[in-house]
């Protein structure tokens, strides 16, 4: 699978420690399965993760909620 070519979370986690991160994923993603995310969340405590129950890899069935969650998150972390 293509995700096997990505660097390990251990090798990139330290660069992300003090950065706010929003991670939106889909439970029906057939490229990056849900079980791949817990190591990132454990390694980087600033990750805010939301998983769309009906979301695929492109989150195509939840576009409006994706935009809303992203804008809310940006406002909360960057101000208006």
PDB file of N, CA and C in Angstrom:
ATOM      1  N   UNK A   1       0.837  -1.178   0.000  1.00  0.00           N
ATOM      2  CA  UNK A   1       0.000   0.000   0.000  1.00  0.00           C
ATOM      3  C   UNK A   1       0.891   1.254   0.000  1.00  0.00           C
ATOM      4  N   UNK A   2       0.347   2.322  -0.511  1.00  0.00           N
ATOM      5  CA  UNK A   2       1.136   3.545  -0.646  1.00  0.00           C
ATOM      6  C   UNK A   2       1.510   4.158   0.699  1.00  0.00           C
ATOM      7  N   UNK A   3       0.705   3.955   1.744  1.00  0.00           N
ATOM      8  CA  UNK A   3       1.030   4.532   3.036  1.00  0.00           C
ATOM      9  C   UNK A   3       2.275   3.907   3.657  1.00  0.00           C
ATOM     10  N   UNK A   4       2.689   2.754   3.197  1.00  0.00           N
ATOM     11  CA  UNK A   4       3.892   2.110   3.720  1.00  0.00           C
ATOM     12  C   UNK A   4       5.153   2.891   3.377  1.00  0.00           C
ATOM     13  N   UNK A   5       5.084   3.772   2.376  1.00  0.00           N
ATOM     14  CA  UNK A   5       6.244   4.570   1.985  1.00  0.00           C
ATOM     15  C   UNK A   5       6.400   5.820   2.847  1.00  0.00           C
ATOM     16  N   UNK A   6       5.424   6.112   3.692  1.00  0.00           N
ATOM     17  CA  UNK A   6       5.504   7.304   4.542  1.00  0.00           C
ATOM     18  C   UNK A   6       6.493   7.086   5.680  1.00  0.00           C
ATOM     19  N   UNK A   7       7.108   8.174   6.165  1.00  0.00           N
ATOM     20  CA  UNK A   7       8.018   8.029   7.305  1.00  0.00           C
ATOM     21  C   UNK A   7       7.238   7.631   8.553  1.00  0.00           C
ATOM     22  N   UNK A   8       7.900   7.029   9.494  1.00  0.00           N
ATOM     23  CA  UNK A   8       7.236   6.618  10.733  1.00  0.00           C
ATOM     24  C   UNK A   8       6.860   7.842  11.551  1.00  0.00           C
ATOM     25  N   UNK A   9       5.842   7.698  12.381  1.00  0.00           N
ATOM     26  CA  UNK A   9       5.419   8.806  13.233  1.00  0.00           C
ATOM     27  C   UNK A   9       6.533   9.193  14.206  1.00  0.00           C
ATOM     28  N   UNK A  10       7.324   8.224  14.623  1.00  0.00           N
ATOM     29  CA  UNK A  10       8.435   8.525  15.523  1.00  0.00           C
ATOM     30  C   UNK A  10       9.422   9.487  14.880  1.00  0.00           C
ATOM     31  N   UNK A  11       9.599   9.394  13.579  1.00  0.00           N
ATOM     32  CA  UNK A  11      10.577  10.248  12.913  1.00  0.00           C
ATOM     33  C   UNK A  11      10.067  11.661  12.651  1.00  0.00           C
ATOM     34  N   UNK A  12       8.760  11.852  12.660  1.00  0.00           N
ATOM     35  CA  UNK A  12       8.217  13.203  12.409  1.00  0.00           C
ATOM     36  C   UNK A  12       7.509  13.783  13.618  1.00  0.00           C
ATOM     37  N   UNK A  13       7.148  12.956  14.581  1.00  0.00           N
ATOM     38  CA  UNK A  13       6.381  13.407  15.738  1.00  0.00           C
ATOM     39  C   UNK A  13       7.010  14.541  16.510  1.00  0.00           C
ATOM     40  N   UNK A  14       8.310  14.503  16.710  1.00  0.00           N
ATOM     41  CA  UNK A  14       8.974  15.551  17.503  1.00  0.00           C
ATOM     42  C   UNK A  14       8.877  16.919  16.837  1.00  0.00           C
ATOM     43  N   UNK A  15       8.728  16.969  15.533  1.00  0.00           N
ATOM     44  CA  UNK A  15       8.606  18.243  14.820  1.00  0.00           C
ATOM     45  C   UNK A  15       7.203  18.830  14.939  1.00  0.00           C
ATOM     46  N   UNK A  16       6.270  18.031  15.403  1.00  0.00           N
ATOM     47  CA  UNK A  16       4.871  18.452  15.471  1.00  0.00           C
ATOM     48  C   UNK A  16       4.394  18.724  16.897  1.00  0.00           C
ATOM     49  N   UNK A  17       5.224  18.489  17.883  1.00  0.00           N
ATOM     50  CA  UNK A  17       4.800  18.508  19.280  1.00  0.00           C
ATOM     51  C   UNK A  17       4.127  19.800  19.732  1.00  0.00           C
ATOM     52  N   UNK A  18       4.594  20.925  19.321  1.00  0.00           N
ATOM     53  CA  UNK A  18       4.053  22.195  19.798  1.00  0.00           C
ATOM     54  C   UNK A  18       3.154  22.878  18.780  1.00  0.00           C
ATOM     55  N   UNK A  19       2.636  22.142  17.849  1.00  0.00           N
ATOM     56  CA  UNK A  19       1.803  22.716  16.797  1.00  0.00           C
ATOM     57  C   UNK A  19       0.376  22.191  16.912  1.00  0.00           C
ATOM     58  N   UNK A  20      -0.587  23.097  16.811  1.00  0.00           N
ATOM     59  CA  UNK A  20      -1.969  22.607  16.796  1.00  0.00           C
ATOM     60  C   UNK A  20      -2.243  21.902  15.467  1.00  0.00           C
ATOM     61  N   UNK A  21      -2.895  20.762  15.540  1.00  0.00           N
ATOM     62  CA  UNK A  21      -3.149  19.962  14.344  1.00  0.00           C
ATOM     63  C   UNK A  21      -4.600  19.504  14.352  1.00  0.00           C
ATOM     64  N   UNK A  22      -5.287  19.768  13.271  1.00  0.00           N
ATOM     65  CA  UNK A  22      -6.637  19.258  13.080  1.00  0.00           C
ATOM     66  C   UNK A  22      -6.548  18.088  12.116  1.00  0.00           C
ATOM     67  N   UNK A  23      -7.079  16.960  12.529  1.00  0.00           N
ATOM     68  CA  UNK A  23      -7.057  15.786  11.675  1.00  0.00           C
ATOM     69  C   UNK A  23      -8.497  15.319  11.463  1.00  0.00           C
ATOM     70  N   UNK A  24      -8.952  15.423  10.239  1.00  0.00           N
ATOM     71  CA  UNK A  24     -10.287  14.979   9.866  1.00  0.00           C
ATOM     72  C   UNK A  24     -10.144  13.749   8.990  1.00  0.00           C
ATOM     73  N   UNK A  25     -10.785  12.683   9.386  1.00  0.00           N
ATOM     74  CA  UNK A  25     -10.667  11.436   8.651  1.00  0.00           C
ATOM     75  C   UNK A  25     -12.048  10.819   8.443  1.00  0.00           C
ATOM     76  N   UNK A  26     -12.106   9.835   7.573  1.00  0.00           N
ATOM     77  CA  UNK A  26     -13.350   9.120   7.330  1.00  0.00           C
ATOM     78  C   UNK A  26     -13.231   7.664   7.723  1.00  0.00           C
ATOM     79  N   UNK A  27     -14.223   7.173   8.414  1.00  0.00           N
ATOM     80  CA  UNK A  27     -14.212   5.775   8.851  1.00  0.00           C
ATOM     81  C   UNK A  27     -14.218   4.817   7.665  1.00  0.00           C
ATOM     82  N   UNK A  28     -14.719   5.273   6.524  1.00  0.00           N
ATOM     83  CA  UNK A  28     -14.785   4.409   5.339  1.00  0.00           C
ATOM     84  C   UNK A  28     -13.627   4.653   4.370  1.00  0.00           C
ATOM     85  N   UNK A  29     -12.553   5.253   4.874  1.00  0.00           N
ATOM     86  CA  UNK A  29     -11.355   5.499   4.070  1.00  0.00           C
ATOM     87  C   UNK A  29     -10.691   4.156   3.758  1.00  0.00           C
ATOM     88  N   UNK A  30     -10.575   3.829   2.491  1.00  0.00           N
ATOM     89  CA  UNK A  30      -9.966   2.553   2.128  1.00  0.00           C
ATOM     90  C   UNK A  30      -8.468   2.680   1.834  1.00  0.00           C
ATOM     91  N   UNK A  31      -7.926   3.879   1.980  1.00  0.00           N
ATOM     92  CA  UNK A  31      -6.485   4.077   1.763  1.00  0.00           C
ATOM     93  C   UNK A  31      -5.746   4.145   3.102  1.00  0.00           C
ATOM     94  N   UNK A  32      -6.270   4.941   4.037  1.00  0.00           N
ATOM     95  CA  UNK A  32      -5.691   5.042   5.383  1.00  0.00           C
ATOM     96  C   UNK A  32      -6.734   4.570   6.391  1.00  0.00           C
ATOM     97  N   UNK A  33      -6.703   3.299   6.773  1.00  0.00           N
ATOM     98  CA  UNK A  33      -7.677   2.768   7.726  1.00  0.00           C
ATOM     99  C   UNK A  33      -7.555   3.450   9.093  1.00  0.00           C
ATOM    100  N   UNK A  34      -8.653   3.458   9.813  1.00  0.00           N
ATOM    101  CA  UNK A  34      -8.735   4.115  11.117  1.00  0.00           C
ATOM    102  C   UNK A  34      -7.655   3.667  12.091  1.00  0.00           C
ATOM    103  N   UNK A  35      -7.280   2.416  12.045  1.00  0.00           N
ATOM    104  CA  UNK A  35      -6.297   1.922  13.017  1.00  0.00           C
ATOM    105  C   UNK A  35      -4.898   2.523  12.820  1.00  0.00           C
ATOM    106  N   UNK A  36      -4.691   3.300  11.790  1.00  0.00           N
ATOM    107  CA  UNK A  36      -3.386   3.935  11.578  1.00  0.00           C
ATOM    108  C   UNK A  36      -3.226   5.220  12.375  1.00  0.00           C
ATOM    109  N   UNK A  37      -4.280   5.773  12.900  1.00  0.00           N
ATOM    110  CA  UNK A  37      -4.213   7.089  13.530  1.00  0.00           C
ATOM    111  C   UNK A  37      -3.812   7.111  15.001  1.00  0.00           C
ATOM    112  N   UNK A  38      -4.150   6.135  15.822  1.00  0.00           N
ATOM    113  CA  UNK A  38      -3.784   6.205  17.237  1.00  0.00           C
ATOM    114  C   UNK A  38      -2.303   6.462  17.526  1.00  0.00           C
ATOM    115  N   UNK A  39      -1.355   5.895  16.777  1.00  0.00           N
ATOM    116  CA  UNK A  39       0.044   6.220  17.073  1.00  0.00           C
ATOM    117  C   UNK A  39       0.352   7.713  16.919  1.00  0.00           C
ATOM    118  N   UNK A  40      -0.234   8.360  15.936  1.00  0.00           N
ATOM    119  CA  UNK A  40      -0.025   9.801  15.767  1.00  0.00           C
ATOM    120  C   UNK A  40      -0.632  10.563  16.937  1.00  0.00           C
ATOM    121  N   UNK A  41      -1.824  10.198  17.321  1.00  0.00           N
ATOM    122  CA  UNK A  41      -2.501  10.888  18.420  1.00  0.00           C
ATOM    123  C   UNK A  41      -1.737  10.704  19.728  1.00  0.00           C
ATOM    124  N   UNK A  42      -1.189   9.537  19.926  1.00  0.00           N
ATOM    125  CA  UNK A  42      -0.393   9.286  21.133  1.00  0.00           C
ATOM    126  C   UNK A  42       0.932  10.045  21.098  1.00  0.00           C
ATOM    127  N   UNK A  43       1.549  10.144  19.944  1.00  0.00           N
ATOM    128  CA  UNK A  43       2.854  10.799  19.816  1.00  0.00           C
ATOM    129  C   UNK A  43       2.751  12.316  19.823  1.00  0.00           C
ATOM    130  N   UNK A  44       1.625  12.844  19.386  1.00  0.00           N
ATOM    131  CA  UNK A  44       1.471  14.295  19.268  1.00  0.00           C
ATOM    132  C   UNK A  44       0.186  14.703  20.004  1.00  0.00           C
ATOM    133  N   UNK A  45       0.309  15.145  21.254  1.00  0.00           N
ATOM    134  CA  UNK A  45      -0.874  15.443  22.055  1.00  0.00           C
ATOM    135  C   UNK A  45      -1.713  16.626  21.568  1.00  0.00           C
ATOM    136  N   UNK A  46      -1.198  17.416  20.656  1.00  0.00           N
ATOM    137  CA  UNK A  46      -1.955  18.571  20.160  1.00  0.00           C
ATOM    138  C   UNK A  46      -2.892  18.222  19.008  1.00  0.00           C
ATOM    139  N   UNK A  47      -2.919  16.963  18.597  1.00  0.00           N
ATOM    140  CA  UNK A  47      -3.814  16.550  17.509  1.00  0.00           C
ATOM    141  C   UNK A  47      -5.256  16.553  18.009  1.00  0.00           C
ATOM    142  N   UNK A  48      -6.106  17.221  17.262  1.00  0.00           N
ATOM    143  CA  UNK A  48      -7.542  17.153  17.499  1.00  0.00           C
ATOM    144  C   UNK A  48      -8.122  16.350  16.343  1.00  0.00           C
ATOM    145  N   UNK A  49      -8.648  15.187  16.666  1.00  0.00           N
ATOM    146  CA  UNK A  49      -9.091  14.245  15.646  1.00  0.00           C
ATOM    147  C   UNK A  49     -10.601  14.127  15.641  1.00  0.00           C
ATOM    148  N   UNK A  50     -11.168  14.236  14.462  1.00  0.00           N
ATOM    149  CA  UNK A  50     -12.585  13.937  14.288  1.00  0.00           C
ATOM    150  C   UNK A  50     -12.702  12.961  13.122  1.00  0.00           C
ATOM    151  N   UNK A  51     -13.441  11.885  13.368  1.00  0.00           N
ATOM    152  CA  UNK A  51     -13.646  10.888  12.331  1.00  0.00           C
ATOM    153  C   UNK A  51     -15.108  10.933  11.879  1.00  0.00           C
ATOM    154  N   UNK A  52     -15.326  11.178  10.598  1.00  0.00           N
ATOM    155  CA  UNK A  52     -16.668  11.189  10.030  1.00  0.00           C
ATOM    156  C   UNK A  52     -17.116   9.744   9.825  1.00  0.00           C
ATOM    157  N   UNK A  53     -18.239   9.341  10.437  1.00  0.00           N
ATOM    158  CA  UNK A  53     -18.681   7.951  10.313  1.00  0.00           C
ATOM    159  C   UNK A  53     -18.895   7.512   8.864  1.00  0.00           C
ATOM    160  N   UNK A  54     -19.386   8.395   8.015  1.00  0.00           N
ATOM    161  CA  UNK A  54     -19.647   8.031   6.619  1.00  0.00           C
ATOM    162  C   UNK A  54     -18.582   8.565   5.664  1.00  0.00           C
ATOM    163  N   UNK A  55     -17.487   9.085   6.197  1.00  0.00           N
ATOM    164  CA  UNK A  55     -16.462   9.700   5.354  1.00  0.00           C
ATOM    165  C   UNK A  55     -15.586   8.686   4.645  1.00  0.00           C
ATOM    166  N   UNK A  56     -15.323   8.964   3.369  1.00  0.00           N
ATOM    167  CA  UNK A  56     -14.365   8.166   2.610  1.00  0.00           C
ATOM    168  C   UNK A  56     -13.019   8.907   2.633  1.00  0.00           C
ATOM    169  N   UNK A  57     -12.095   8.495   1.801  1.00  0.00           N
ATOM    170  CA  UNK A  57     -10.764   9.115   1.809  1.00  0.00           C
ATOM    171  C   UNK A  57     -10.808  10.607   1.490  1.00  0.00           C
ATOM    172  N   UNK A  58     -11.688  11.010   0.594  1.00  0.00           N
ATOM    173  CA  UNK A  58     -11.791  12.420   0.196  1.00  0.00           C
ATOM    174  C   UNK A  58     -12.846  13.178   0.998  1.00  0.00           C
ATOM    175  N   UNK A  59     -13.460  12.512   1.961  1.00  0.00           N
ATOM    176  CA  UNK A  59     -14.536  13.113   2.761  1.00  0.00           C
ATOM    177  C   UNK A  59     -15.635  13.678   1.869  1.00  0.00           C
ATOM    178  N   UNK A  60     -15.889  12.998   0.766  1.00  0.00           N
ATOM    179  CA  UNK A  60     -16.797  13.523  -0.251  1.00  0.00           C
ATOM    180  C   UNK A  60     -18.254  13.595   0.186  1.00  0.00           C
ATOM    181  N   UNK A  61     -18.662  12.793   1.152  1.00  0.00           N
ATOM    182  CA  UNK A  61     -20.046  12.828   1.607  1.00  0.00           C
ATOM    183  C   UNK A  61     -20.263  13.773   2.784  1.00  0.00           C
ATOM    184  N   UNK A  62     -19.213  14.443   3.209  1.00  0.00           N
ATOM    185  CA  UNK A  62     -19.333  15.316   4.380  1.00  0.00           C
ATOM    186  C   UNK A  62     -18.589  16.633   4.159  1.00  0.00           C
ATOM    187  N   UNK A  63     -18.661  17.163   2.959  1.00  0.00           N
ATOM    188  CA  UNK A  63     -17.944  18.397   2.613  1.00  0.00           C
ATOM    189  C   UNK A  63     -18.354  19.589   3.475  1.00  0.00           C
ATOM    190  N   UNK A  64     -19.657  19.800   3.643  1.00  0.00           N
ATOM    191  CA  UNK A  64     -20.100  20.968   4.406  1.00  0.00           C
ATOM    192  C   UNK A  64     -19.628  20.894   5.847  1.00  0.00           C
ATOM    193  N   UNK A  65     -19.742  19.730   6.458  1.00  0.00           N
ATOM    194  CA  UNK A  65     -19.283  19.598   7.837  1.00  0.00           C
ATOM    195  C   UNK A  65     -17.759  19.709   7.921  1.00  0.00           C
ATOM    196  N   UNK A  66     -17.058  19.230   6.911  1.00  0.00           N
ATOM    197  CA  UNK A  66     -15.601  19.372   6.876  1.00  0.00           C
ATOM    198  C   UNK A  66     -15.214  20.843   6.874  1.00  0.00           C
ATOM    199  N   UNK A  67     -15.859  21.621   6.028  1.00  0.00           N
ATOM    200  CA  UNK A  67     -15.568  23.063   5.957  1.00  0.00           C
ATOM    201  C   UNK A  67     -15.922  23.733   7.281  1.00  0.00           C
ATOM    202  N   UNK A  68     -17.083  23.419   7.826  1.00  0.00           N
ATOM    203  CA  UNK A  68     -17.506  24.033   9.089  1.00  0.00           C
ATOM    204  C   UNK A  68     -16.524  23.705  10.211  1.00  0.00           C
ATOM    205  N   UNK A  69     -16.163  22.449  10.353  1.00  0.00           N
ATOM    206  CA  UNK A  69     -15.220  22.058  11.412  1.00  0.00           C
ATOM    207  C   UNK A  69     -13.854  22.728  11.215  1.00  0.00           C
ATOM    208  N   UNK A  70     -13.412  22.815   9.976  1.00  0.00           N
ATOM    209  CA  UNK A  70     -12.120  23.444   9.687  1.00  0.00           C
ATOM    210  C   UNK A  70     -12.152  24.931  10.028  1.00  0.00           C
ATOM    211  N   UNK A  71     -13.187  25.630   9.609  1.00  0.00           N
ATOM    212  CA  UNK A  71     -13.293  27.059   9.911  1.00  0.00           C
ATOM    213  C   UNK A  71     -13.418  27.308  11.401  1.00  0.00           C
ATOM    214  N   UNK A  72     -14.194  26.505  12.107  1.00  0.00           N
ATOM    215  CA  UNK A  72     -14.310  26.639  13.565  1.00  0.00           C
ATOM    216  C   UNK A  72     -12.968  26.422  14.231  1.00  0.00           C
ATOM    217  N   UNK A  73     -12.240  25.414  13.767  1.00  0.00           N
ATOM    218  CA  UNK A  73     -10.937  25.111  14.349  1.00  0.00           C
ATOM    219  C   UNK A  73      -9.942  26.250  14.095  1.00  0.00           C
ATOM    220  N   UNK A  74      -9.936  26.754  12.866  1.00  0.00           N
ATOM    221  CA  UNK A  74      -9.036  27.874  12.538  1.00  0.00           C
ATOM    222  C   UNK A  74      -9.342  29.090  13.376  1.00  0.00           C
ATOM    223  N   UNK A  75     -10.611  29.396  13.546  1.00  0.00           N
ATOM    224  CA  UNK A  75     -10.987  30.539  14.378  1.00  0.00           C
ATOM    225  C   UNK A  75     -10.555  30.350  15.830  1.00  0.00           C
ATOM    226  N   UNK A  76     -10.742  29.156  16.344  1.00  0.00           N
ATOM    227  CA  UNK A  76     -10.356  28.866  17.727  1.00  0.00           C
ATOM    228  C   UNK A  76      -8.855  28.944  17.942  1.00  0.00           C
ATOM    229  N   UNK A  77      -8.057  28.571  16.941  1.00  0.00           N
ATOM    230  CA  UNK A  77      -6.615  28.527  17.100  1.00  0.00           C
ATOM    231  C   UNK A  77      -5.872  29.728  16.544  1.00  0.00           C
ATOM    232  N   UNK A  78      -6.484  30.445  15.629  1.00  0.00           N
ATOM    233  CA  UNK A  78      -5.790  31.555  14.984  1.00  0.00           C
ATOM    234  C   UNK A  78      -6.492  32.888  15.227  1.00  0.00           C
ATOM    235  N   UNK A  79      -7.685  32.840  15.741  1.00  0.00           N
ATOM    236  CA  UNK A  79      -8.454  34.063  15.959  1.00  0.00           C
ATOM    237  C   UNK A  79      -9.131  34.502  14.672  1.00  0.00           C
ATOM    238  N   UNK A  80      -9.971  35.514  14.824  1.00  0.00           N
ATOM    239  CA  UNK A  80     -10.705  35.997  13.647  1.00  0.00           C
ATOM    240  C   UNK A  80     -10.006  37.157  12.972  1.00  0.00           C
TER     241      UNK A  80
END
